[in-house]
């Protein structure tokens, strides 16, 4: 069976549910990771005392990594490329 034929096949209700759940999970985890990145890059007065214990450069690198990973999760949720090899 050619790849084009595989892509044209109808998905079962179970597969549609799995895709829907994974998409929601990817979007929510992406938003969460972006929020965590903002939390570390721009701390509030309540969290400043905890973040000041660590090296500021490492905290900024971690925040950027969180942003990149969050964007990747949102992209993966948008593409919905779950059952293709």
Protein backbone atom coordinates (compact mmCIF):
# COMPACT_ATOMS: atom_id res chain seq x y z
CA UNK A 1 0.00 0.00 0.00
CA UNK A 2 1.39 3.38 -0.99
CA UNK A 3 1.76 6.22 1.47
CA UNK A 4 -0.85 8.28 -0.39
CA UNK A 5 -3.42 5.50 0.10
CA UNK A 6 -2.64 5.32 3.81
CA UNK A 7 -3.24 9.06 4.24
CA UNK A 8 -6.65 8.83 2.52
CA UNK A 9 -7.95 6.07 4.81
CA UNK A 10 -10.69 6.99 7.26
CA UNK A 11 -9.69 7.00 10.91
CA UNK A 12 -11.67 5.17 13.53
CA UNK A 13 -13.43 7.01 16.33
CA UNK A 14 -10.78 5.75 18.74
CA UNK A 15 -7.97 7.23 16.65
CA UNK A 16 -9.84 10.54 16.35
CA UNK A 17 -10.24 10.62 20.14
CA UNK A 18 -6.54 9.90 20.64
CA UNK A 19 -5.60 12.70 18.24
CA UNK A 20 -7.97 15.11 19.99
CA UNK A 21 -6.58 14.25 23.44
CA UNK A 22 -2.94 14.49 22.35
CA UNK A 23 -3.62 17.82 20.64
CA UNK A 24 -5.20 19.26 23.78
CA UNK A 25 -2.31 17.92 25.86
CA UNK A 26 0.29 19.42 23.52
CA UNK A 27 -1.40 22.84 23.47
CA UNK A 28 -1.83 22.95 27.25
CA UNK A 29 1.73 21.78 27.97
CA UNK A 30 3.06 24.30 25.45
CA UNK A 31 1.22 27.15 27.14
CA UNK A 32 2.35 25.90 30.54
CA UNK A 33 6.02 25.74 29.50
CA UNK A 34 5.88 29.24 28.03
CA UNK A 35 4.36 30.49 31.29
CA UNK A 36 7.13 28.77 33.27
CA UNK A 37 9.68 30.51 31.06
CA UNK A 38 8.11 33.89 31.86
CA UNK A 39 8.02 32.97 35.54
CA UNK A 40 11.78 32.42 35.56
CA UNK A 41 12.71 35.29 33.24
CA UNK A 42 10.53 37.91 34.97
CA UNK A 43 10.05 36.87 38.61
CA UNK A 44 7.54 38.64 40.83
CA UNK A 45 8.40 40.10 44.22
CA UNK A 46 7.09 36.94 45.91
CA UNK A 47 9.27 34.56 43.91
CA UNK A 48 12.36 36.76 43.64
CA UNK A 49 13.82 35.43 46.90
CA UNK A 50 13.79 31.85 45.58
CA UNK A 51 15.21 32.63 42.17
CA UNK A 52 18.02 34.83 43.55
CA UNK A 53 19.61 31.72 45.08
CA UNK A 54 20.77 30.56 41.63
CA UNK A 55 23.01 31.98 38.93
CA UNK A 56 21.06 34.55 36.87
CA UNK A 57 22.61 33.42 33.59
CA UNK A 58 21.54 29.83 34.15
CA UNK A 59 18.02 30.99 35.04
CA UNK A 60 17.78 32.95 31.78
CA UNK A 61 19.05 30.00 29.74
CA UNK A 62 16.48 27.78 31.43
CA UNK A 63 13.71 30.28 30.65
CA UNK A 64 14.68 30.35 26.97
CA UNK A 65 14.75 26.54 26.87
CA UNK A 66 11.25 26.50 28.39
CA UNK A 67 10.03 28.94 25.72
CA UNK A 68 11.52 26.88 22.90
CA UNK A 69 10.08 23.64 24.24
CA UNK A 70 6.69 25.29 24.73
CA UNK A 71 6.71 26.51 21.13
CA UNK A 72 7.67 23.03 19.96
CA UNK A 73 4.75 21.48 21.86
CA UNK A 74 2.31 23.98 20.37
CA UNK A 75 3.71 23.28 16.88
CA UNK A 76 3.38 19.54 17.43
CA UNK A 77 -0.24 20.01 18.52
CA UNK A 78 -0.91 22.10 15.43
CA UNK A 79 0.60 19.59 12.99
CA UNK A 80 -1.24 16.54 14.46
CA UNK A 81 1.27 14.16 12.89
CA UNK A 82 0.69 11.29 15.33
CA UNK A 83 -0.04 8.16 13.27
CA UNK A 84 2.34 8.75 10.40
CA UNK A 85 5.78 7.20 10.34
